[in-house]
C-alpha atoms as a PDB file:
ATOM      1  CA  MET A   1       0.000   0.000   0.000  1.00  0.00           C
ATOM      2  CA  PHE A   2       2.770   2.448   0.892  1.00  0.00           C
ATOM      3  CA  LYS A   3       4.116   2.287  -2.667  1.00  0.00           C
ATOM      4  CA  MET A   4       0.723   3.229  -4.134  1.00  0.00           C
ATOM      5  CA  THR A   5      -1.011   6.548  -4.731  1.00  0.00           C
ATOM      6  CA  TRP A   6      -4.247   7.350  -2.914  1.00  0.00           C
ATOM      7  CA  PRO A   7      -6.399   6.829  -6.035  1.00  0.00           C
ATOM      8  CA  GLU A   8      -4.852   3.368  -6.412  1.00  0.00           C
ATOM      9  CA  VAL A   9      -5.688   2.560  -2.794  1.00  0.00           C
ATOM     10  CA  GLU A  10      -9.218   3.846  -3.370  1.00  0.00           C
ATOM     11  CA  GLU A  11      -9.551   1.595  -6.411  1.00  0.00           C
ATOM     12  CA  TYR A  12      -8.356  -1.424  -4.417  1.00  0.00           C
ATOM     13  CA  LEU A  13     -10.916  -0.748  -1.690  1.00  0.00           C
ATOM     14  CA  GLU A  14     -13.711  -0.951  -4.233  1.00  0.00           C
ATOM     15  CA  LYS A  15     -12.918  -4.646  -4.637  1.00  0.00           C
ATOM     16  CA  ASN A  16     -11.121  -5.779  -1.486  1.00  0.00           C
ATOM     17  CA  ASP A  17     -11.173  -4.830   2.205  1.00  0.00           C
ATOM     18  CA  VAL A  18      -8.275  -6.973   3.520  1.00  0.00           C
ATOM     19  CA  ILE A  19      -4.886  -5.576   4.531  1.00  0.00           C
ATOM     20  CA  LEU A  20      -1.844  -7.107   6.221  1.00  0.00           C
ATOM     21  CA  PHE A  21      -0.053  -5.070   8.892  1.00  0.00           C
ATOM     22  CA  PRO A  22       3.471  -6.457   9.560  1.00  0.00           C
ATOM     23  CA  THR A  23       5.000  -5.658  12.928  1.00  0.00           C
ATOM     24  CA  GLY A  24       8.273  -6.701  14.513  1.00  0.00           C
ATOM     25  CA  SER A  25      11.056  -5.120  16.532  1.00  0.00           C
ATOM     26  CA  THR A  26      14.507  -3.633  16.409  1.00  0.00           C
ATOM     27  CA  GLU A  27      16.514  -5.670  18.880  1.00  0.00           C
ATOM     28  CA  GLN A  28      19.605  -7.804  19.197  1.00  0.00           C
ATOM     29  CA  HIS A  29      19.548 -11.236  17.591  1.00  0.00           C
ATOM     30  CA  GLY A  30      22.690 -12.776  18.945  1.00  0.00           C
ATOM     31  CA  LYS A  31      26.060 -12.181  17.368  1.00  0.00           C
ATOM     32  CA  HIS A  32      24.963 -13.288  13.915  1.00  0.00           C
ATOM     33  CA  ILE A  33      21.587 -11.840  12.773  1.00  0.00           C
ATOM     34  CA  ALA A  34      20.804  -8.208  11.959  1.00  0.00           C
ATOM     35  CA  GLU A  35      18.766  -6.346  14.566  1.00  0.00           C
ATOM     36  CA  ASP A  36      15.828  -5.690  12.250  1.00  0.00           C
ATOM     37  CA  ASN A  37      15.115  -9.405  11.855  1.00  0.00           C
ATOM     38  CA  ASP A  38      11.634  -9.543  13.397  1.00  0.00           C
ATOM     39  CA  ALA A  39      10.349  -6.627  11.330  1.00  0.00           C
ATOM     40  CA  PHE A  40      12.203  -7.929   8.261  1.00  0.00           C
ATOM     41  CA  THR A  41      10.632 -11.380   8.605  1.00  0.00           C
ATOM     42  CA  ALA A  42       7.140 -10.031   9.273  1.00  0.00           C
ATOM     43  CA  PHE A  43       7.326  -7.878   6.139  1.00  0.00           C
ATOM     44  CA  GLU A  44       8.830 -10.571   3.920  1.00  0.00           C
ATOM     45  CA  ILE A  45       6.221 -13.153   4.935  1.00  0.00           C
ATOM     46  CA  ALA A  46       3.425 -10.589   4.550  1.00  0.00           C
ATOM     47  CA  ARG A  47       4.730  -9.583   1.119  1.00  0.00           C
ATOM     48  CA  ARG A  48       4.815 -13.172  -0.081  1.00  0.00           C
ATOM     49  CA  VAL A  49       1.339 -13.899   1.273  1.00  0.00           C
ATOM     50  CA  ALA A  50       0.086 -10.727  -0.430  1.00  0.00           C
ATOM     51  CA  GLU A  51       1.514 -11.874  -3.744  1.00  0.00           C
ATOM     52  CA  LYS A  52      -0.365 -15.179  -3.461  1.00  0.00           C
ATOM     53  CA  THR A  53      -3.672 -13.689  -2.341  1.00  0.00           C
ATOM     54  CA  GLY A  54      -3.847 -10.305  -4.036  1.00  0.00           C
ATOM     55  CA  VAL A  55      -4.180  -8.268  -0.844  1.00  0.00           C
ATOM     56  CA  LEU A  56      -2.288  -5.170   0.294  1.00  0.00           C
ATOM     57  CA  VAL A  57       0.470  -4.791   2.878  1.00  0.00           C
ATOM     58  CA  ALA A  58       0.623  -1.780   5.196  1.00  0.00           C
ATOM     59  CA  PRO A  59       3.970  -0.186   6.142  1.00  0.00           C
ATOM     60  CA  PRO A  60       5.895  -2.451   8.543  1.00  0.00           C
ATOM     61  CA  MET A  61       6.127  -1.376  12.177  1.00  0.00           C
ATOM     62  CA  PRO A  62       9.878  -1.638  13.009  1.00  0.00           C
ATOM     63  CA  PHE A  63       9.677  -1.131  16.786  1.00  0.00           C
ATOM     64  CA  GLY A  64       8.154  -3.322  19.468  1.00  0.00           C
ATOM     65  CA  ASN A  65       8.285  -4.134  23.137  1.00  0.00           C
ATOM     66  CA  SER A  66      11.935  -5.119  23.615  1.00  0.00           C
ATOM     67  CA  VAL A  67      12.683  -3.845  27.100  1.00  0.00           C
ATOM     68  CA  HIS A  68      14.154  -7.245  28.028  1.00  0.00           C
ATOM     69  CA  HIS A  69      16.839  -6.835  25.333  1.00  0.00           C
ATOM     70  CA  MET A  70      18.068  -3.394  26.322  1.00  0.00           C
ATOM     71  CA  LYS A  71      21.357  -4.590  27.826  1.00  0.00           C
ATOM     72  CA  PHE A  72      22.456  -5.402  24.278  1.00  0.00           C
ATOM     73  CA  PRO A  73      23.518  -2.376  22.156  1.00  0.00           C
ATOM     74  CA  GLY A  74      21.259  -1.306  19.324  1.00  0.00           C
ATOM     75  CA  SER A  75      17.996  -2.569  20.754  1.00  0.00           C
ATOM     76  CA  ILE A  76      15.097  -0.080  20.721  1.00  0.00           C
ATOM     77  CA  THR A  77      11.945  -0.471  22.779  1.00  0.00           C
ATOM     78  CA  LEU A  78       8.551   1.137  23.156  1.00  0.00           C
ATOM     79  CA  ARG A  79       6.640   1.110  26.423  1.00  0.00           C
ATOM     80  CA  PHE A  80       3.728  -1.330  26.555  1.00  0.00           C
ATOM     81  CA  ALA A  81       1.110   1.423  26.626  1.00  0.00           C
ATOM     82  CA  THR A  82       2.803   3.275  23.758  1.00  0.00           C
ATOM     83  CA  LEU A  83       2.863   0.152  21.629  1.00  0.00           C
ATOM     84  CA  VAL A  84      -0.790  -0.625  22.345  1.00  0.00           C
ATOM     85  CA  ASN A  85      -1.722   2.888  21.260  1.00  0.00           C
ATOM     86  CA  VAL A  86       0.369   2.686  18.089  1.00  0.00           C
ATOM     87  CA  TYR A  87      -1.359  -0.536  17.044  1.00  0.00           C
ATOM     88  CA  LYS A  88      -4.743   0.990  17.801  1.00  0.00           C
ATOM     89  CA  GLU A  89      -4.097   4.219  15.915  1.00  0.00           C
ATOM     90  CA  VAL A  90      -2.733   2.441  12.837  1.00  0.00           C
ATOM     91  CA  CYS A  91      -5.714   0.080  12.812  1.00  0.00           C
ATOM     92  CA  LYS A  92      -8.182   2.914  13.339  1.00  0.00           C
ATOM     93  CA  SER A  93      -6.649   4.753  10.386  1.00  0.00           C
ATOM     94  CA  LEU A  94      -7.037   1.660   8.219  1.00  0.00           C
ATOM     95  CA  LEU A  95     -10.604   1.121   9.419  1.00  0.00           C
ATOM     96  CA  HIS A  96     -11.381   4.752   8.655  1.00  0.00           C
ATOM     97  CA  HIS A  97     -10.449   4.239   5.007  1.00  0.00           C
ATOM     98  CA  GLY A  98     -12.542   1.097   4.631  1.00  0.00           C
ATOM     99  CA  PHE A  99     -10.147  -1.750   5.389  1.00  0.00           C
ATOM    100  CA  LYS A 100     -12.596  -3.920   7.303  1.00  0.00           C
ATOM    101  CA  LYS A 101     -10.357  -6.967   7.669  1.00  0.00           C
ATOM    102  CA  ILE A 102      -6.981  -6.165   9.226  1.00  0.00           C
ATOM    103  CA  VAL A 103      -4.449  -8.901   9.958  1.00  0.00           C
ATOM    104  CA  ILE A 104      -1.482  -8.026  12.166  1.00  0.00           C
ATOM    105  CA  MET A 105       1.462 -10.134  10.959  1.00  0.00           C
ATOM    106  CA  ASN A 106       3.592 -10.372  14.085  1.00  0.00           C
ATOM    107  CA  GLY A 107       7.274 -11.287  13.983  1.00  0.00           C
ATOM    108  CA  HIS A 108       8.165 -10.710  17.657  1.00  0.00           C
ATOM    109  CA  GLY A 109       6.920 -12.674  20.652  1.00  0.00           C
ATOM    110  CA  GLY A 110       7.447  -9.676  22.901  1.00  0.00           C
ATOM    111  CA  ASN A 111       4.643  -7.885  21.062  1.00  0.00           C
ATOM    112  CA  THR A 112       2.035 -10.558  21.734  1.00  0.00           C
ATOM    113  CA  ASN A 113       0.533  -9.113  24.908  1.00  0.00           C
ATOM    114  CA  ALA A 114       0.443  -5.567  23.522  1.00  0.00           C
ATOM    115  CA  ILE A 115      -1.279  -6.790  20.364  1.00  0.00           C
ATOM    116  CA  ALA A 116      -3.829  -8.730  22.409  1.00  0.00           C
ATOM    117  CA  GLN A 117      -4.583  -5.632  24.472  1.00  0.00           C
ATOM    118  CA  ALA A 118      -4.901  -3.489  21.356  1.00  0.00           C
ATOM    119  CA  LEU A 119      -7.271  -5.986  19.734  1.00  0.00           C
ATOM    120  CA  ARG A 120      -9.468  -6.021  22.835  1.00  0.00           C
ATOM    121  CA  GLU A 121      -9.574  -2.220  23.085  1.00  0.00           C
ATOM    122  CA  LEU A 122     -10.300  -1.888  19.366  1.00  0.00           C
ATOM    123  CA  ARG A 123     -13.222  -4.285  19.758  1.00  0.00           C
ATOM    124  CA  GLU A 124     -14.574  -2.295  22.711  1.00  0.00           C
ATOM    125  CA  GLU A 125     -14.055   1.122  21.088  1.00  0.00           C
ATOM    126  CA  THR A 126     -15.021   0.385  17.471  1.00  0.00           C
ATOM    127  CA  GLY A 127     -16.940  -2.882  17.521  1.00  0.00           C
ATOM    128  CA  LYS A 128     -14.502  -4.188  14.891  1.00  0.00           C
ATOM    129  CA  ILE A 129     -12.569  -7.464  15.005  1.00  0.00           C
ATOM    130  CA  VAL A 130      -8.884  -7.245  14.076  1.00  0.00           C
ATOM    131  CA  TYR A 131      -6.869 -10.428  13.594  1.00  0.00           C
ATOM    132  CA  SER A 132      -3.317 -11.305  14.604  1.00  0.00           C
ATOM    133  CA  LEU A 133      -0.984 -14.176  13.794  1.00  0.00           C
ATOM    134  CA  MET A 134       2.663 -15.159  14.219  1.00  0.00           C
ATOM    135  CA  VAL A 135       4.729 -15.283  11.023  1.00  0.00           C
ATOM    136  CA  PHE A 136       7.261 -17.816  12.320  1.00  0.00           C
ATOM    137  CA  ALA A 137       6.384 -21.497  12.132  1.00  0.00           C
ATOM    138  CA  GLY A 138       5.535 -23.037  15.485  1.00  0.00           C
ATOM    139  CA  GLU A 139       4.231 -26.258  16.966  1.00  0.00           C
ATOM    140  CA  ARG A 140       0.877 -24.646  17.733  1.00  0.00           C
ATOM    141  CA  GLY A 141       0.701 -22.197  14.851  1.00  0.00           C
ATOM    142  CA  PHE A 142       0.991 -22.091  11.089  1.00  0.00           C
ATOM    143  CA  GLY A 143       3.584 -24.429   9.599  1.00  0.00           C
ATOM    144  CA  SER A 144       3.488 -26.757  12.598  1.00  0.00           C
ATOM    145  CA  GLU A 145       4.581 -29.832  10.634  1.00  0.00           C
ATOM    146  CA  SER A 146       7.564 -28.028   9.130  1.00  0.00           C
ATOM    147  CA  VAL A 147       9.310 -27.446  12.463  1.00  0.00           C
ATOM    148  CA  LYS A 148       9.897 -31.189  12.849  1.00  0.00           C
ATOM    149  CA  ILE A 149      12.999 -30.654  10.712  1.00  0.00           C
ATOM    150  CA  LEU A 150      14.719 -28.893  13.623  1.00  0.00           C
ATOM    151  CA  LYS A 151      17.386 -30.697  15.652  1.00  0.00           C
ATOM    152  CA  GLN A 152      18.156 -28.239  18.474  1.00  0.00           C
ATOM    153  CA  GLU A 153      17.075 -28.624  22.069  1.00  0.00           C
ATOM    154  CA  GLY A 154      15.350 -25.464  23.234  1.00  0.00           C
ATOM    155  CA  GLY A 155      15.534 -22.285  21.205  1.00  0.00           C
ATOM    156  CA  GLY A 156      13.239 -19.367  20.671  1.00  0.00           C
ATOM    157  CA  HIS A 157      15.531 -16.488  19.703  1.00  0.00           C
ATOM    158  CA  ALA A 158      18.144 -16.287  16.941  1.00  0.00           C
ATOM    159  CA  CYS A 159      18.156 -20.082  17.148  1.00  0.00           C
ATOM    160  CA  GLU A 160      18.284 -22.873  14.544  1.00  0.00           C
ATOM    161  CA  MET A 161      14.758 -22.063  13.397  1.00  0.00           C
ATOM    162  CA  GLU A 162      14.997 -18.264  13.236  1.00  0.00           C
ATOM    163  CA  THR A 163      18.459 -18.358  11.691  1.00  0.00           C
ATOM    164  CA  SER A 164      17.384 -20.868   9.033  1.00  0.00           C
ATOM    165  CA  VAL A 165      14.384 -18.700   8.140  1.00  0.00           C
ATOM    166  CA  ALA A 166      16.616 -15.607   7.991  1.00  0.00           C
ATOM    167  CA  LEU A 167      19.038 -17.371   5.664  1.00  0.00           C
ATOM    168  CA  TYR A 168      16.250 -18.437   3.315  1.00  0.00           C
ATOM    169  CA  LEU A 169      14.642 -14.984   3.247  1.00  0.00           C
ATOM    170  CA  GLY A 170      17.949 -13.309   2.385  1.00  0.00           C
ATOM    171  CA  GLN A 171      18.532 -11.538   5.690  1.00  0.00           C
ATOM    172  CA  ARG A 172      22.010 -10.410   6.728  1.00  0.00           C
ATOM    173  CA  VAL A 173      23.346 -13.366   8.697  1.00  0.00           C
ATOM    174  CA  LEU A 174      26.942 -13.783   9.886  1.00  0.00           C
ATOM    175  CA  LEU A 175      26.772 -17.546  10.370  1.00  0.00           C
ATOM    176  CA  ASP A 176      30.457 -17.808  11.228  1.00  0.00           C
ATOM    177  CA  ARG A 177      29.735 -15.769  14.375  1.00  0.00           C
ATOM    178  CA  ALA A 178      26.829 -17.913  15.554  1.00  0.00           C
ATOM    179  CA  GLU A 179      27.266 -19.673  18.885  1.00  0.00           C
ATOM    180  CA  LYS A 180      25.402 -22.473  20.616  1.00  0.00           C
ATOM    181  CA  TRP A 181      23.673 -21.438  23.845  1.00  0.00           C
ATOM    182  CA  LYS A 182      25.319 -22.409  27.105  1.00  0.00           C
ATOM    183  CA  THR A 183      24.060 -22.091  30.668  1.00  0.00           C
ATOM    184  CA  PRO A 184      25.020 -18.582  31.877  1.00  0.00           C
ATOM    185  CA  LYS A 185      27.813 -18.579  34.433  1.00  0.00           C
ATOM    186  CA  ALA A 186      25.745 -16.405  36.756  1.00  0.00           C
ATOM    187  CA  TRP A 187      22.995 -19.018  37.121  1.00  0.00           C
ATOM    188  CA  THR A 188      22.671 -20.496  40.595  1.00  0.00           C
ATOM    189  CA  GLU A 189      21.393 -23.954  41.503  1.00  0.00           C
ATOM    190  CA  PHE A 190      18.135 -22.234  42.497  1.00  0.00           C
ATOM    191  CA  ASP A 191      17.814 -20.806  38.980  1.00  0.00           C
ATOM    192  CA  LYS A 192      18.431 -24.197  37.384  1.00  0.00           C
ATOM    193  CA  LYS A 193      16.074 -26.055  39.730  1.00  0.00           C
ATOM    194  CA  TYR A 194      13.044 -23.883  38.968  1.00  0.00           C
ATOM    195  CA  LEU A 195      13.695 -23.064  35.313  1.00  0.00           C
ATOM    196  CA  ARG A 196      10.429 -23.357  33.315  1.00  0.00           C
ATOM    197  CA  LYS A 197       8.515 -24.167  36.491  1.00  0.00           C
ATOM    198  CA  VAL A 198       8.234 -20.713  38.037  1.00  0.00           C
ATOM    199  CA  ALA A 199       7.674 -17.550  36.015  1.00  0.00           C
ATOM    200  CA  THR A 200       9.266 -14.194  36.776  1.00  0.00           C
ATOM    201  CA  ALA A 201      10.330 -11.103  34.853  1.00  0.00           C
ATOM    202  CA  LYS A 202      13.802 -11.726  33.469  1.00  0.00           C
ATOM    203  CA  ASP A 203      15.894  -9.630  31.136  1.00  0.00           C
ATOM    204  CA  PHE A 204      17.407 -11.434  28.176  1.00  0.00           C
ATOM    205  CA  HIS A 205      20.990 -11.023  29.317  1.00  0.00           C
ATOM    206  CA  GLU A 206      20.043 -13.115  32.360  1.00  0.00           C
ATOM    207  CA  LEU A 207      19.030 -15.984  30.069  1.00  0.00           C
ATOM    208  CA  THR A 208      21.893 -15.831  27.594  1.00  0.00           C
ATOM    209  CA  GLU A 209      25.304 -14.206  27.618  1.00  0.00           C
ATOM    210  CA  ILE A 210      25.528 -14.224  23.815  1.00  0.00           C
ATOM    211  CA  GLY A 211      22.044 -12.909  23.009  1.00  0.00           C
ATOM    212  CA  SER A 212      20.742 -16.058  21.321  1.00  0.00           C
ATOM    213  CA  LEU A 213      19.157 -19.313  22.457  1.00  0.00           C
ATOM    214  CA  GLY A 214      19.213 -22.818  21.016  1.00  0.00           C
ATOM    215  CA  ASP A 215      21.816 -23.783  18.427  1.00  0.00           C
ATOM    216  CA  PRO A 216      22.067 -21.470  15.403  1.00  0.00           C
ATOM    217  CA  THR A 217      25.304 -23.143  14.317  1.00  0.00           C
ATOM    218  CA  ILE A 218      23.293 -25.948  12.684  1.00  0.00           C
ATOM    219  CA  ALA A 219      20.966 -23.570  10.816  1.00  0.00           C
ATOM    220  CA  THR A 220      20.832 -23.784   7.016  1.00  0.00           C
ATOM    221  CA  LYS A 221      19.019 -22.081   4.169  1.00  0.00           C
ATOM    222  CA  GLU A 222      17.673 -25.493   3.175  1.00  0.00           C
ATOM    223  CA  LYS A 223      15.963 -25.895   6.569  1.00  0.00           C
ATOM    224  CA  GLY A 224      14.454 -22.447   6.254  1.00  0.00           C
ATOM    225  CA  LYS A 225      12.767 -23.167   2.923  1.00  0.00           C
ATOM    226  CA  PRO A 226      10.099 -25.667   4.093  1.00  0.00           C
ATOM    227  CA  MET A 227       9.278 -23.607   7.179  1.00  0.00           C
ATOM    228  CA  VAL A 228       8.839 -20.378   5.217  1.00  0.00           C
ATOM    229  CA  GLU A 229       6.875 -22.021   2.423  1.00  0.00           C
ATOM    230  CA  ALA A 230       4.581 -23.875   4.841  1.00  0.00           C
ATOM    231  CA  VAL A 231       3.804 -20.680   6.737  1.00  0.00           C
ATOM    232  CA  ILE A 232       3.124 -18.737   3.544  1.00  0.00           C
ATOM    233  CA  ASP A 233       0.874 -21.464   2.141  1.00  0.00           C
ATOM    234  CA  GLU A 234      -1.136 -21.895   5.350  1.00  0.00           C
ATOM    235  CA  ILE A 235      -1.515 -18.192   6.062  1.00  0.00           C
ATOM    236  CA  SER A 236      -2.610 -17.682   2.451  1.00  0.00           C
ATOM    237  CA  VAL A 237      -5.420 -20.187   2.966  1.00  0.00           C
ATOM    238  CA  PHE A 238      -6.524 -18.194   6.006  1.00  0.00           C
ATOM    239  CA  ILE A 239      -6.445 -14.958   4.013  1.00  0.00           C
ATOM    240  CA  GLU A 240      -8.534 -16.456   1.223  1.00  0.00           C
ATOM    241  CA  ASP A 241     -11.071 -17.669   3.779  1.00  0.00           C
ATOM    242  CA  LEU A 242     -11.047 -14.226   5.388  1.00  0.00           C
ATOM    243  CA  LYS A 243     -11.641 -12.556   2.022  1.00  0.00           C
ATOM    244  CA  ALA A 244     -14.700 -14.741   1.514  1.00  0.00           C
ATOM    245  CA  LYS A 245     -16.000 -14.274   5.070  1.00  0.00           C
ATOM    246  CA  LYS A 246     -19.175 -12.206   5.326  1.00  0.00           C
ATOM    247  CA  ASP A 247     -19.388  -9.473   7.968  1.00  0.00           C
END
């Protein structure tokens, strides 16, 4: 959409009311992936889905809630309330112009709660339903079968999965600098005993000294291909169903 003129957008709206809104973050991704990776991935997946389904893509939102990454240089964060308001104001602008079916294409897990809050407030304030989905393949999301290719134990950030996807999408990846996650030296026996059993607010540097989790050293472009293609195919089915859905 952001490469079109307003008459072209107006013409599109005469035939279609779906738009994809990619959102990510600007934050560290270990020693090997560029800091724009979440926003980059969200936009690239959205762009490919748009090509398959004939819908428009809104400008990507490059900043997210990344307060837990701020010990690593280059990370930029928005406060939770600020982020909620940004999502709401972008969606309200799109609704104003006649985009009745908005899909937030999220590339950053740290945005999930802010998106959920924005969706709830939009429903209360406008009566409109806005959708959200994660652009990375996951066991409970789109592309669930494709993640069975992964070999790492654990993961979740700049790991085998995210690095493989980045390689396939053409992101800047310095694979020779990738490192496998190791237990931080500062962890106590208490930390190890209750890991994954008790939740608390932790900053990312407390979980990893290198900025990444899992094992990105075994990532490959070839592993990224089936995960990306599965996500694009499955999200495209959802978009086609959404296009056909009556209000």
